[in-house]
PDB file of N, CA and C in Angstrom:
ATOM      1  N   MET A   1       8.495  20.062   2.346  1.00  0.00           N
ATOM      2  CA  MET A   1       8.342  19.300   3.576  1.00  0.00           C
ATOM      3  C   MET A   1       7.336  18.158   3.399  1.00  0.00           C
ATOM      4  N   MET A   2       6.208  18.452   2.729  1.00  0.00           N
ATOM      5  CA  MET A   2       5.190  17.416   2.530  1.00  0.00           C
ATOM      6  C   MET A   2       5.711  16.283   1.651  1.00  0.00           C
ATOM      7  N   PHE A   3       6.594  16.634   0.688  1.00  0.00           N
ATOM      8  CA  PHE A   3       7.186  15.585  -0.144  1.00  0.00           C
ATOM      9  C   PHE A   3       7.995  14.623   0.728  1.00  0.00           C
ATOM     10  N   ARG A   4       8.752  15.169   1.673  1.00  0.00           N
ATOM     11  CA  ARG A   4       9.574  14.321   2.550  1.00  0.00           C
ATOM     12  C   ARG A   4       8.717  13.474   3.481  1.00  0.00           C
ATOM     13  N   ILE A   5       7.650  14.056   3.985  1.00  0.00           N
ATOM     14  CA  ILE A   5       6.746  13.285   4.847  1.00  0.00           C
ATOM     15  C   ILE A   5       6.109  12.160   4.043  1.00  0.00           C
ATOM     16  N   SER A   6       5.673  12.477   2.828  1.00  0.00           N
ATOM     17  CA  SER A   6       5.085  11.454   1.966  1.00  0.00           C
ATOM     18  C   SER A   6       6.090  10.341   1.688  1.00  0.00           C
ATOM     19  N   PHE A   7       7.331  10.720   1.405  1.00  0.00           N
ATOM     20  CA  PHE A   7       8.375   9.723   1.179  1.00  0.00           C
ATOM     21  C   PHE A   7       8.584   8.864   2.422  1.00  0.00           C
ATOM     22  N   GLY A   8       8.668   9.491   3.589  1.00  0.00           N
ATOM     23  CA  GLY A   8       8.849   8.739   4.833  1.00  0.00           C
ATOM     24  C   GLY A   8       7.723   7.754   5.075  1.00  0.00           C
ATOM     25  N   LEU A   9       6.494   8.189   4.812  1.00  0.00           N
ATOM     26  CA  LEU A   9       5.346   7.290   4.966  1.00  0.00           C
ATOM     27  C   LEU A   9       5.392   6.155   3.944  1.00  0.00           C
ATOM     28  N   ALA A  10       5.851   6.463   2.735  1.00  0.00           N
ATOM     29  CA  ALA A  10       5.956   5.425   1.703  1.00  0.00           C
ATOM     30  C   ALA A  10       6.976   4.368   2.104  1.00  0.00           C
ATOM     31  N   VAL A  11       8.115   4.809   2.627  1.00  0.00           N
ATOM     32  CA  VAL A  11       9.144   3.863   3.081  1.00  0.00           C
ATOM     33  C   VAL A  11       8.624   3.051   4.265  1.00  0.00           C
ATOM     34  N   LEU A  12       7.958   3.718   5.202  1.00  0.00           N
ATOM     35  CA  LEU A  12       7.383   3.018   6.352  1.00  0.00           C
ATOM     36  C   LEU A  12       6.380   1.964   5.895  1.00  0.00           C
ATOM     37  N   THR A  13       5.517   2.332   4.967  1.00  0.00           N
ATOM     38  CA  THR A  13       4.503   1.403   4.468  1.00  0.00           C
ATOM     39  C   THR A  13       5.153   0.213   3.777  1.00  0.00           C
ATOM     40  N   ALA A  14       6.136   0.477   2.915  1.00  0.00           N
ATOM     41  CA  ALA A  14       6.827  -0.618   2.227  1.00  0.00           C
ATOM     42  C   ALA A  14       7.525  -1.528   3.234  1.00  0.00           C
ATOM     43  N   ALA A  15       8.173  -0.932   4.226  1.00  0.00           N
ATOM     44  CA  ALA A  15       8.878  -1.728   5.238  1.00  0.00           C
ATOM     45  C   ALA A  15       7.904  -2.576   6.051  1.00  0.00           C
ATOM     46  N   LEU A  16       6.793  -1.981   6.461  1.00  0.00           N
ATOM     47  CA  LEU A  16       5.793  -2.750   7.213  1.00  0.00           C
ATOM     48  C   LEU A  16       5.253  -3.900   6.376  1.00  0.00           C
ATOM     49  N   HIS A  17       4.966  -3.621   5.118  1.00  0.00           N
ATOM     50  CA  HIS A  17       4.442  -4.667   4.230  1.00  0.00           C
ATOM     51  C   HIS A  17       5.447  -5.812   4.110  1.00  0.00           C
ATOM     52  N   ILE A  18       6.694  -5.464   3.844  1.00  0.00           N
ATOM     53  CA  ILE A  18       7.701  -6.487   3.582  1.00  0.00           C
ATOM     54  C   ILE A  18       8.159  -7.184   4.864  1.00  0.00           C
ATOM     55  N   LEU A  19       8.451  -6.420   5.904  1.00  0.00           N
ATOM     56  CA  LEU A  19       9.049  -6.997   7.112  1.00  0.00           C
ATOM     57  C   LEU A  19       8.034  -7.570   8.095  1.00  0.00           C
ATOM     58  N   VAL A  20       6.863  -6.965   8.182  1.00  0.00           N
ATOM     59  CA  VAL A  20       5.843  -7.447   9.124  1.00  0.00           C
ATOM     60  C   VAL A  20       4.800  -8.288   8.399  1.00  0.00           C
ATOM     61  N   GLY A  21       4.285  -7.754   7.322  1.00  0.00           N
ATOM     62  CA  GLY A  21       3.212  -8.437   6.609  1.00  0.00           C
ATOM     63  C   GLY A  21       3.596  -9.788   6.053  1.00  0.00           C
ATOM     64  N   THR A  22       4.867  -9.937   5.682  1.00  0.00           N
ATOM     65  CA  THR A  22       5.308 -11.221   5.145  1.00  0.00           C
ATOM     66  C   THR A  22       5.067 -12.340   6.152  1.00  0.00           C
ATOM     67  N   PHE A  23       5.293 -12.063   7.425  1.00  0.00           N
ATOM     68  CA  PHE A  23       5.096 -13.090   8.455  1.00  0.00           C
ATOM     69  C   PHE A  23       3.666 -13.096   8.980  1.00  0.00           C
ATOM     70  N   ASP A  24       3.082 -11.926   9.108  1.00  0.00           N
ATOM     71  CA  ASP A  24       1.756 -11.769   9.700  1.00  0.00           C
ATOM     72  C   ASP A  24       0.629 -12.162   8.741  1.00  0.00           C
ATOM     73  N   THR A  25       0.816 -11.898   7.462  1.00  0.00           N
ATOM     74  CA  THR A  25      -0.260 -12.098   6.489  1.00  0.00           C
ATOM     75  C   THR A  25       0.090 -13.130   5.432  1.00  0.00           C
ATOM     76  N   LEU A  26       1.251 -12.977   4.800  1.00  0.00           N
ATOM     77  CA  LEU A  26       1.607 -13.888   3.710  1.00  0.00           C
ATOM     78  C   LEU A  26       1.821 -15.317   4.199  1.00  0.00           C
ATOM     79  N   ALA A  27       2.574 -15.503   5.263  1.00  0.00           N
ATOM     80  CA  ALA A  27       2.880 -16.856   5.740  1.00  0.00           C
ATOM     81  C   ALA A  27       1.619 -17.666   6.038  1.00  0.00           C
ATOM     82  N   PRO A  28       0.627 -17.111   6.763  1.00  0.00           N
ATOM     83  CA  PRO A  28      -0.594 -17.891   6.984  1.00  0.00           C
ATOM     84  C   PRO A  28      -1.324 -18.247   5.685  1.00  0.00           C
ATOM     85  N   MET A  29      -1.294 -17.339   4.707  1.00  0.00           N
ATOM     86  CA  MET A  29      -1.945 -17.654   3.427  1.00  0.00           C
ATOM     87  C   MET A  29      -1.226 -18.798   2.726  1.00  0.00           C
ATOM     88  N   LEU A  30       0.102 -18.776   2.776  1.00  0.00           N
ATOM     89  CA  LEU A  30       0.865 -19.832   2.115  1.00  0.00           C
ATOM     90  C   LEU A  30       0.734 -21.166   2.837  1.00  0.00           C
ATOM     91  N   ASN A  31       0.472 -21.127   4.141  1.00  0.00           N
ATOM     92  CA  ASN A  31       0.312 -22.353   4.919  1.00  0.00           C
ATOM     93  C   ASN A  31      -1.126 -22.849   4.953  1.00  0.00           C
ATOM     94  N   ALA A  32      -2.044 -22.076   4.390  1.00  0.00           N
ATOM     95  CA  ALA A  32      -3.458 -22.466   4.386  1.00  0.00           C
ATOM     96  C   ALA A  32      -3.675 -23.616   3.407  1.00  0.00           C
ATOM     97  N   ASP A  33      -4.732 -24.364   3.668  1.00  0.00           N
ATOM     98  CA  ASP A  33      -5.086 -25.485   2.804  1.00  0.00           C
ATOM     99  C   ASP A  33      -5.827 -24.942   1.579  1.00  0.00           C
ATOM    100  N   LEU A  34      -5.058 -24.403   0.658  1.00  0.00           N
ATOM    101  CA  LEU A  34      -5.602 -23.831  -0.571  1.00  0.00           C
ATOM    102  C   LEU A  34      -4.974 -24.542  -1.759  1.00  0.00           C
ATOM    103  N   PRO A  35      -5.648 -24.547  -2.893  1.00  0.00           N
ATOM    104  CA  PRO A  35      -5.035 -25.133  -4.087  1.00  0.00           C
ATOM    105  C   PRO A  35      -3.713 -24.425  -4.413  1.00  0.00           C
ATOM    106  N   GLU A  36      -2.795 -25.174  -4.991  1.00  0.00           N
ATOM    107  CA  GLU A  36      -1.468 -24.638  -5.298  1.00  0.00           C
ATOM    108  C   GLU A  36      -1.544 -23.388  -6.175  1.00  0.00           C
ATOM    109  N   ALA A  37      -2.457 -23.380  -7.135  1.00  0.00           N
ATOM    110  CA  ALA A  37      -2.591 -22.218  -8.027  1.00  0.00           C
ATOM    111  C   ALA A  37      -3.021 -20.974  -7.247  1.00  0.00           C
ATOM    112  N   VAL A  38      -3.869 -21.149  -6.253  1.00  0.00           N
ATOM    113  CA  VAL A  38      -4.321 -20.014  -5.436  1.00  0.00           C
ATOM    114  C   VAL A  38      -3.167 -19.508  -4.581  1.00  0.00           C
ATOM    115  N   ARG A  39      -2.458 -20.429  -3.916  1.00  0.00           N
ATOM    116  CA  ARG A  39      -1.306 -20.023  -3.100  1.00  0.00           C
ATOM    117  C   ARG A  39      -0.242 -19.334  -3.946  1.00  0.00           C
ATOM    118  N   GLY A  40       0.023 -19.876  -5.118  1.00  0.00           N
ATOM    119  CA  GLY A  40       1.024 -19.278  -6.000  1.00  0.00           C
ATOM    120  C   GLY A  40       0.621 -17.890  -6.469  1.00  0.00           C
ATOM    121  N   THR A  41      -0.659 -17.725  -6.782  1.00  0.00           N
ATOM    122  CA  THR A  41      -1.149 -16.413  -7.211  1.00  0.00           C
ATOM    123  C   THR A  41      -1.043 -15.405  -6.077  1.00  0.00           C
ATOM    124  N   LEU A  42      -1.454 -15.791  -4.873  1.00  0.00           N
ATOM    125  CA  LEU A  42      -1.338 -14.895  -3.717  1.00  0.00           C
ATOM    126  C   LEU A  42       0.120 -14.515  -3.457  1.00  0.00           C
ATOM    127  N   HIS A  43       1.010 -15.493  -3.570  1.00  0.00           N
ATOM    128  CA  HIS A  43       2.433 -15.252  -3.331  1.00  0.00           C
ATOM    129  C   HIS A  43       2.984 -14.259  -4.356  1.00  0.00           C
ATOM    130  N   ALA A  44       2.667 -14.470  -5.620  1.00  0.00           N
ATOM    131  CA  ALA A  44       3.136 -13.557  -6.671  1.00  0.00           C
ATOM    132  C   ALA A  44       2.557 -12.159  -6.481  1.00  0.00           C
ATOM    133  N   CYS A  45       1.267 -12.076  -6.161  1.00  0.00           N
ATOM    134  CA  CYS A  45       0.638 -10.767  -5.941  1.00  0.00           C
ATOM    135  C   CYS A  45       1.277 -10.045  -4.760  1.00  0.00           C
ATOM    136  N   TRP A  46       1.621 -10.786  -3.726  1.00  0.00           N
ATOM    137  CA  TRP A  46       2.277 -10.179  -2.565  1.00  0.00           C
ATOM    138  C   TRP A  46       3.573  -9.488  -2.984  1.00  0.00           C
ATOM    139  N   HIS A  47       4.362 -10.187  -3.784  1.00  0.00           N
ATOM    140  CA  HIS A  47       5.639  -9.615  -4.202  1.00  0.00           C
ATOM    141  C   HIS A  47       5.456  -8.502  -5.234  1.00  0.00           C
ATOM    142  N   MET A  48       4.399  -8.567  -6.029  1.00  0.00           N
ATOM    143  CA  MET A  48       4.095  -7.457  -6.939  1.00  0.00           C
ATOM    144  C   MET A  48       3.784  -6.196  -6.136  1.00  0.00           C
ATOM    145  N   VAL A  49       3.015  -6.345  -5.063  1.00  0.00           N
ATOM    146  CA  VAL A  49       2.699  -5.198  -4.202  1.00  0.00           C
ATOM    147  C   VAL A  49       3.969  -4.682  -3.531  1.00  0.00           C
ATOM    148  N   SER A  50       4.825  -5.595  -3.070  1.00  0.00           N
ATOM    149  CA  SER A  50       6.102  -5.178  -2.466  1.00  0.00           C
ATOM    150  C   SER A  50       6.901  -4.330  -3.445  1.00  0.00           C
ATOM    151  N   LEU A  51       6.979  -4.782  -4.676  1.00  0.00           N
ATOM    152  CA  LEU A  51       7.707  -4.048  -5.709  1.00  0.00           C
ATOM    153  C   LEU A  51       7.061  -2.689  -5.972  1.00  0.00           C
ATOM    154  N   PHE A  52       5.741  -2.665  -6.089  1.00  0.00           N
ATOM    155  CA  PHE A  52       5.020  -1.402  -6.304  1.00  0.00           C
ATOM    156  C   PHE A  52       5.312  -0.411  -5.177  1.00  0.00           C
ATOM    157  N   LEU A  53       5.236  -0.866  -3.940  1.00  0.00           N
ATOM    158  CA  LEU A  53       5.469   0.029  -2.804  1.00  0.00           C
ATOM    159  C   LEU A  53       6.899   0.564  -2.801  1.00  0.00           C
ATOM    160  N   ALA A  54       7.867  -0.308  -3.042  1.00  0.00           N
ATOM    161  CA  ALA A  54       9.270   0.113  -3.020  1.00  0.00           C
ATOM    162  C   ALA A  54       9.594   1.060  -4.177  1.00  0.00           C
ATOM    163  N   VAL A  55       9.155   0.718  -5.373  1.00  0.00           N
ATOM    164  CA  VAL A  55       9.443   1.564  -6.538  1.00  0.00           C
ATOM    165  C   VAL A  55       8.736   2.905  -6.418  1.00  0.00           C
ATOM    166  N   SER A  56       7.505   2.898  -5.955  1.00  0.00           N
ATOM    167  CA  SER A  56       6.797   4.174  -5.833  1.00  0.00           C
ATOM    168  C   SER A  56       7.409   5.040  -4.732  1.00  0.00           C
ATOM    169  N   ALA A  57       7.930   4.433  -3.668  1.00  0.00           N
ATOM    170  CA  ALA A  57       8.635   5.219  -2.645  1.00  0.00           C
ATOM    171  C   ALA A  57       9.847   5.906  -3.264  1.00  0.00           C
ATOM    172  N   TRP A  58      10.586   5.180  -4.084  1.00  0.00           N
ATOM    173  CA  TRP A  58      11.738   5.773  -4.763  1.00  0.00           C
ATOM    174  C   TRP A  58      11.289   6.910  -5.684  1.00  0.00           C
ATOM    175  N   CYS A  59      10.211   6.693  -6.432  1.00  0.00           N
ATOM    176  CA  CYS A  59       9.700   7.733  -7.338  1.00  0.00           C
ATOM    177  C   CYS A  59       9.249   8.971  -6.566  1.00  0.00           C
ATOM    178  N   ILE A  60       8.644   8.756  -5.411  1.00  0.00           N
ATOM    179  CA  ILE A  60       8.231   9.893  -4.580  1.00  0.00           C
ATOM    180  C   ILE A  60       9.468  10.662  -4.113  1.00  0.00           C
ATOM    181  N   TRP A  61      10.496   9.953  -3.682  1.00  0.00           N
ATOM    182  CA  TRP A  61      11.722  10.606  -3.223  1.00  0.00           C
ATOM    183  C   TRP A  61      12.358  11.432  -4.340  1.00  0.00           C
ATOM    184  N   ARG A  62      12.409  10.866  -5.537  1.00  0.00           N
ATOM    185  CA  ARG A  62      13.052  11.526  -6.670  1.00  0.00           C
ATOM    186  C   ARG A  62      12.127  12.541  -7.351  1.00  0.00           C
ATOM    187  N   ARG A  63      10.875  12.581  -6.924  1.00  0.00           N
ATOM    188  CA  ARG A  63       9.860  13.412  -7.580  1.00  0.00           C
ATOM    189  C   ARG A  63       9.839  13.125  -9.082  1.00  0.00           C
ATOM    190  N   HIS A  64       9.890  11.844  -9.359  1.00  0.00           N
ATOM    191  CA  HIS A  64       9.875  11.325 -10.723  1.00  0.00           C
ATOM    192  C   HIS A  64       8.564  11.724 -11.396  1.00  0.00           C
ATOM    193  N   PRO A  65       8.570  11.914 -12.718  1.00  0.00           N
ATOM    194  CA  PRO A  65       7.321  12.274 -13.405  1.00  0.00           C
ATOM    195  C   PRO A  65       6.179  11.275 -13.187  1.00  0.00           C
ATOM    196  N   ALA A  66       6.510  10.028 -12.888  1.00  0.00           N
ATOM    197  CA  ALA A  66       5.470   9.023 -12.636  1.00  0.00           C
ATOM    198  C   ALA A  66       4.890   9.114 -11.231  1.00  0.00           C
ATOM    199  N   ALA A  67       5.528   9.858 -10.351  1.00  0.00           N
ATOM    200  CA  ALA A  67       5.115   9.895  -8.943  1.00  0.00           C
ATOM    201  C   ALA A  67       3.668  10.334  -8.734  1.00  0.00           C
ATOM    202  N   PRO A  68       3.160  11.347  -9.433  1.00  0.00           N
ATOM    203  CA  PRO A  68       1.750  11.708  -9.212  1.00  0.00           C
ATOM    204  C   PRO A  68       0.780  10.573  -9.563  1.00  0.00           C
ATOM    205  N   VAL A  69       1.081   9.844 -10.623  1.00  0.00           N
ATOM    206  CA  VAL A  69       0.222   8.709 -10.994  1.00  0.00           C
ATOM    207  C   VAL A  69       0.310   7.625  -9.929  1.00  0.00           C
ATOM    208  N   LEU A  70       1.520   7.345  -9.469  1.00  0.00           N
ATOM    209  CA  LEU A  70       1.695   6.335  -8.424  1.00  0.00           C
ATOM    210  C   LEU A  70       1.018   6.770  -7.128  1.00  0.00           C
ATOM    211  N   ALA A  71       1.115   8.058  -6.793  1.00  0.00           N
ATOM    212  CA  ALA A  71       0.431   8.562  -5.594  1.00  0.00           C
ATOM    213  C   ALA A  71      -1.078   8.379  -5.733  1.00  0.00           C
ATOM    214  N   GLY A  72      -1.586   8.600  -6.933  1.00  0.00           N
ATOM    215  CA  GLY A  72      -3.007   8.342  -7.179  1.00  0.00           C
ATOM    216  C   GLY A  72      -3.358   6.875  -6.978  1.00  0.00           C
ATOM    217  N   MET A  73      -2.430   5.990  -7.345  1.00  0.00           N
ATOM    218  CA  MET A  73      -2.644   4.555  -7.119  1.00  0.00           C
ATOM    219  C   MET A  73      -2.664   4.224  -5.626  1.00  0.00           C
ATOM    220  N   TRP A  74      -1.871   4.938  -4.831  1.00  0.00           N
ATOM    221  CA  TRP A  74      -1.900   4.741  -3.376  1.00  0.00           C
ATOM    222  C   TRP A  74      -3.284   5.102  -2.846  1.00  0.00           C
ATOM    223  N   VAL A  75      -3.818   6.227  -3.303  1.00  0.00           N
ATOM    224  CA  VAL A  75      -5.152   6.647  -2.854  1.00  0.00           C
ATOM    225  C   VAL A  75      -6.201   5.644  -3.333  1.00  0.00           C
ATOM    226  N   ALA A  76      -6.104   5.206  -4.585  1.00  0.00           N
ATOM    227  CA  ALA A  76      -7.051   4.219  -5.110  1.00  0.00           C
ATOM    228  C   ALA A  76      -6.954   2.908  -4.330  1.00  0.00           C
ATOM    229  N   SER A  77      -5.741   2.500  -3.984  1.00  0.00           N
ATOM    230  CA  SER A  77      -5.556   1.278  -3.187  1.00  0.00           C
ATOM    231  C   SER A  77      -6.181   1.431  -1.807  1.00  0.00           C
ATOM    232  N   ALA A  78      -6.079   2.620  -1.239  1.00  0.00           N
ATOM    233  CA  ALA A  78      -6.725   2.881   0.054  1.00  0.00           C
ATOM    234  C   ALA A  78      -8.231   2.705  -0.064  1.00  0.00           C
ATOM    235  N   LEU A  79      -8.806   3.202  -1.150  1.00  0.00           N
ATOM    236  CA  LEU A  79     -10.251   3.057  -1.353  1.00  0.00           C
ATOM    237  C   LEU A  79     -10.646   1.592  -1.494  1.00  0.00           C
ATOM    238  N   VAL A  80      -9.801   0.800  -2.148  1.00  0.00           N
ATOM    239  CA  VAL A  80     -10.067  -0.642  -2.252  1.00  0.00           C
ATOM    240  C   VAL A  80     -10.073  -1.268  -0.860  1.00  0.00           C
ATOM    241  N   PHE A  81      -9.091  -0.930  -0.027  1.00  0.00           N
ATOM    242  CA  PHE A  81      -9.051  -1.463   1.335  1.00  0.00           C
ATOM    243  C   PHE A  81     -10.282  -1.037   2.132  1.00  0.00           C
ATOM    244  N   VAL A  82     -10.707   0.211   1.980  1.00  0.00           N
ATOM    245  CA  VAL A  82     -11.908   0.683   2.690  1.00  0.00           C
ATOM    246  C   VAL A  82     -13.120  -0.125   2.246  1.00  0.00           C
ATOM    247  N   MET A  83     -13.288  -0.305   0.943  1.00  0.00           N
ATOM    248  CA  MET A  83     -14.450  -1.054   0.445  1.00  0.00           C
ATOM    249  C   MET A  83     -14.439  -2.496   0.934  1.00  0.00           C
ATOM    250  N   VAL A  84     -13.280  -3.145   0.857  1.00  0.00           N
ATOM    251  CA  VAL A  84     -13.185  -4.538   1.314  1.00  0.00           C
ATOM    252  C   VAL A  84     -13.426  -4.622   2.817  1.00  0.00           C
ATOM    253  N   ALA A  85     -12.830  -3.714   3.576  1.00  0.00           N
ATOM    254  CA  ALA A  85     -12.980  -3.723   5.037  1.00  0.00           C
ATOM    255  C   ALA A  85     -14.436  -3.557   5.437  1.00  0.00           C
ATOM    256  N   VAL A  86     -15.112  -2.598   4.842  1.00  0.00           N
ATOM    257  CA  VAL A  86     -16.517  -2.343   5.182  1.00  0.00           C
ATOM    258  C   VAL A  86     -17.395  -3.486   4.689  1.00  0.00           C
ATOM    259  N   TRP A  87     -17.093  -4.015   3.516  1.00  0.00           N
ATOM    260  CA  TRP A  87     -17.871  -5.137   2.968  1.00  0.00           C
ATOM    261  C   TRP A  87     -17.773  -6.354   3.890  1.00  0.00           C
ATOM    262  N   GLN A  88     -16.572  -6.643   4.379  1.00  0.00           N
ATOM    263  CA  GLN A  88     -16.370  -7.843   5.187  1.00  0.00           C
ATOM    264  C   GLN A  88     -16.737  -7.668   6.654  1.00  0.00           C
ATOM    265  N   GLY A  89     -16.544  -6.464   7.198  1.00  0.00           N
ATOM    266  CA  GLY A  89     -16.748  -6.329   8.636  1.00  0.00           C
ATOM    267  C   GLY A  89     -17.461  -5.076   9.089  1.00  0.00           C
ATOM    268  N   GLY A  90     -18.120  -4.390   8.167  1.00  0.00           N
ATOM    269  CA  GLY A  90     -18.759  -3.138   8.549  1.00  0.00           C
ATOM    270  C   GLY A  90     -17.699  -2.113   8.931  1.00  0.00           C
ATOM    271  N   ALA A  91     -18.105  -1.104   9.670  1.00  0.00           N
ATOM    272  CA  ALA A  91     -17.165  -0.049  10.066  1.00  0.00           C
ATOM    273  C   ALA A  91     -16.000  -0.619  10.875  1.00  0.00           C
ATOM    274  N   GLY A  92     -16.252  -1.663  11.651  1.00  0.00           N
ATOM    275  CA  GLY A  92     -15.189  -2.293  12.432  1.00  0.00           C
ATOM    276  C   GLY A  92     -14.110  -2.917  11.565  1.00  0.00           C
ATOM    277  N   GLY A  93     -14.456  -3.230  10.330  1.00  0.00           N
ATOM    278  CA  GLY A  93     -13.474  -3.786   9.410  1.00  0.00           C
ATOM    279  C   GLY A  93     -12.335  -2.832   9.114  1.00  0.00           C
ATOM    280  N   LEU A  94     -12.594  -1.536   9.291  1.00  0.00           N
ATOM    281  CA  LEU A  94     -11.540  -0.542   9.066  1.00  0.00           C
ATOM    282  C   LEU A  94     -10.408  -0.682  10.078  1.00  0.00           C
ATOM    283  N   LEU A  95     -10.716  -1.245  11.247  1.00  0.00           N
ATOM    284  CA  LEU A  95      -9.676  -1.505  12.248  1.00  0.00           C
ATOM    285  C   LEU A  95      -8.958  -2.822  11.972  1.00  0.00           C
ATOM    286  N   VAL A  96      -9.673  -3.755  11.358  1.00  0.00           N
ATOM    287  CA  VAL A  96      -9.074  -5.049  11.026  1.00  0.00           C
ATOM    288  C   VAL A  96      -8.105  -4.900   9.853  1.00  0.00           C
ATOM    289  N   LEU A  97      -8.458  -4.045   8.900  1.00  0.00           N
ATOM    290  CA  LEU A  97      -7.617  -3.783   7.730  1.00  0.00           C
ATOM    291  C   LEU A  97      -7.201  -2.307   7.723  1.00  0.00           C
ATOM    292  N   PRO A  98      -6.245  -1.933   8.563  1.00  0.00           N
ATOM    293  CA  PRO A  98      -5.883  -0.513   8.687  1.00  0.00           C
ATOM    294  C   PRO A  98      -4.962   0.004   7.584  1.00  0.00           C
ATOM    295  N   GLN A  99      -4.617  -0.834   6.629  1.00  0.00           N
ATOM    296  CA  GLN A  99      -3.688  -0.423   5.576  1.00  0.00           C
ATOM    297  C   GLN A  99      -4.170   0.822   4.839  1.00  0.00           C
ATOM    298  N   TRP A 100      -5.472   0.985   4.756  1.00  0.00           N
ATOM    299  CA  TRP A 100      -6.045   2.126   4.033  1.00  0.00           C
ATOM    300  C   TRP A 100      -5.511   3.454   4.563  1.00  0.00           C
ATOM    301  N   SER A 101      -5.246   3.513   5.872  1.00  0.00           N
ATOM    302  CA  SER A 101      -4.858   4.800   6.460  1.00  0.00           C
ATOM    303  C   SER A 101      -3.494   5.278   5.949  1.00  0.00           C
ATOM    304  N   LEU A 102      -2.498   4.411   5.939  1.00  0.00           N
ATOM    305  CA  LEU A 102      -1.176   4.803   5.433  1.00  0.00           C
ATOM    306  C   LEU A 102      -1.198   5.012   3.923  1.00  0.00           C
ATOM    307  N   LEU A 103      -1.929   4.162   3.227  1.00  0.00           N
ATOM    308  CA  LEU A 103      -2.010   4.319   1.774  1.00  0.00           C
ATOM    309  C   LEU A 103      -2.629   5.664   1.404  1.00  0.00           C
ATOM    310  N   ALA A 104      -3.745   6.002   2.041  1.00  0.00           N
ATOM    311  CA  ALA A 104      -4.441   7.255   1.730  1.00  0.00           C
ATOM    312  C   ALA A 104      -3.595   8.461   2.106  1.00  0.00           C
ATOM    313  N   LEU A 105      -3.019   8.435   3.293  1.00  0.00           N
ATOM    314  CA  LEU A 105      -2.238   9.576   3.760  1.00  0.00           C
ATOM    315  C   LEU A 105      -1.007   9.810   2.886  1.00  0.00           C
ATOM    316  N   THR A 106      -0.310   8.744   2.547  1.00  0.00           N
ATOM    317  CA  THR A 106       0.893   8.864   1.716  1.00  0.00           C
ATOM    318  C   THR A 106       0.561   9.455   0.352  1.00  0.00           C
ATOM    319  N   GLY A 107      -0.420   8.864  -0.308  1.00  0.00           N
ATOM    320  CA  GLY A 107      -0.787   9.345  -1.640  1.00  0.00           C
ATOM    321  C   GLY A 107      -1.349  10.748  -1.623  1.00  0.00           C
ATOM    322  N   ALA A 108      -2.229  11.030  -0.671  1.00  0.00           N
ATOM    323  CA  ALA A 108      -2.861  12.352  -0.602  1.00  0.00           C
ATOM    324  C   ALA A 108      -1.842  13.443  -0.286  1.00  0.00           C
ATOM    325  N   LEU A 109      -0.914  13.172   0.628  1.00  0.00           N
ATOM    326  CA  LEU A 109       0.120  14.166   0.946  1.00  0.00           C
ATOM    327  C   LEU A 109       0.978  14.482  -0.271  1.00  0.00           C
ATOM    328  N   TYR A 110       1.344  13.446  -1.011  1.00  0.00           N
ATOM    329  CA  TYR A 110       2.154  13.698  -2.201  1.00  0.00           C
ATOM    330  C   TYR A 110       1.367  14.520  -3.214  1.00  0.00           C
ATOM    331  N   LEU A 111       0.131  14.140  -3.467  1.00  0.00           N
ATOM    332  CA  LEU A 111      -0.673  14.874  -4.447  1.00  0.00           C
ATOM    333  C   LEU A 111      -0.886  16.319  -4.015  1.00  0.00           C
ATOM    334  N   TRP A 112      -1.101  16.531  -2.732  1.00  0.00           N
ATOM    335  CA  TRP A 112      -1.291  17.883  -2.210  1.00  0.00           C
ATOM    336  C   TRP A 112      -0.015  18.706  -2.383  1.00  0.00           C
ATOM    337  N   ALA A 113       1.122  18.120  -2.006  1.00  0.00           N
ATOM    338  CA  ALA A 113       2.403  18.822  -2.146  1.00  0.00           C
ATOM    339  C   ALA A 113       2.708  19.105  -3.611  1.00  0.00           C
ATOM    340  N   ASN A 114       2.408  18.150  -4.469  1.00  0.00           N
ATOM    341  CA  ASN A 114       2.678  18.321  -5.891  1.00  0.00           C
ATOM    342  C   ASN A 114       1.827  19.443  -6.476  1.00  0.00           C
ATOM    343  N   ARG A 115       0.575  19.487  -6.069  1.00  0.00           N
ATOM    344  CA  ARG A 115      -0.311  20.546  -6.568  1.00  0.00           C
ATOM    345  C   ARG A 115       0.152  21.919  -6.072  1.00  0.00           C
ATOM    346  N   ALA A 116       0.565  21.981  -4.818  1.00  0.00           N
ATOM    347  CA  ALA A 116       1.036  23.250  -4.249  1.00  0.00           C
ATOM    348  C   ALA A 116       2.323  23.717  -4.924  1.00  0.00           C
ATOM    349  N   ALA A 117       3.123  22.764  -5.417  1.00  0.00           N
ATOM    350  CA  ALA A 117       4.397  23.110  -6.050  1.00  0.00           C
ATOM    351  C   ALA A 117       4.224  23.596  -7.485  1.00  0.00           C
ATOM    352  N   LEU A 118       3.060  23.367  -8.063  1.00  0.00           N
ATOM    353  CA  LEU A 118       2.843  23.774  -9.469  1.00  0.00           C
ATOM    354  C   LEU A 118       2.666  25.257  -9.620  1.00  0.00           C
TER     355      LEU A 118
END
């Protein structure tokens, strides 16, 4: 059951990133007055994250051997969001950058389910 919940959260996270974040976050960055190299790097990184989220969701669904490592990356990514959020806005930054919550929950649920299945 936890594997399925983790998969559902992974799909939800990937969908939110791709369908909502592309307009809410990526578009303003691409329209900002930034050097072309910076905009291009941000754009490429955005799509790298999209690919990571989608592929790891598939790996979680298939319980692929790489899934535990990818789930660990979800948890590590959550920690990065927490550090950046707190660094930029204190505790209130956690509300401004809520991505950490889905990342942490998805990865932790998978790791917990995987450990219980061993």
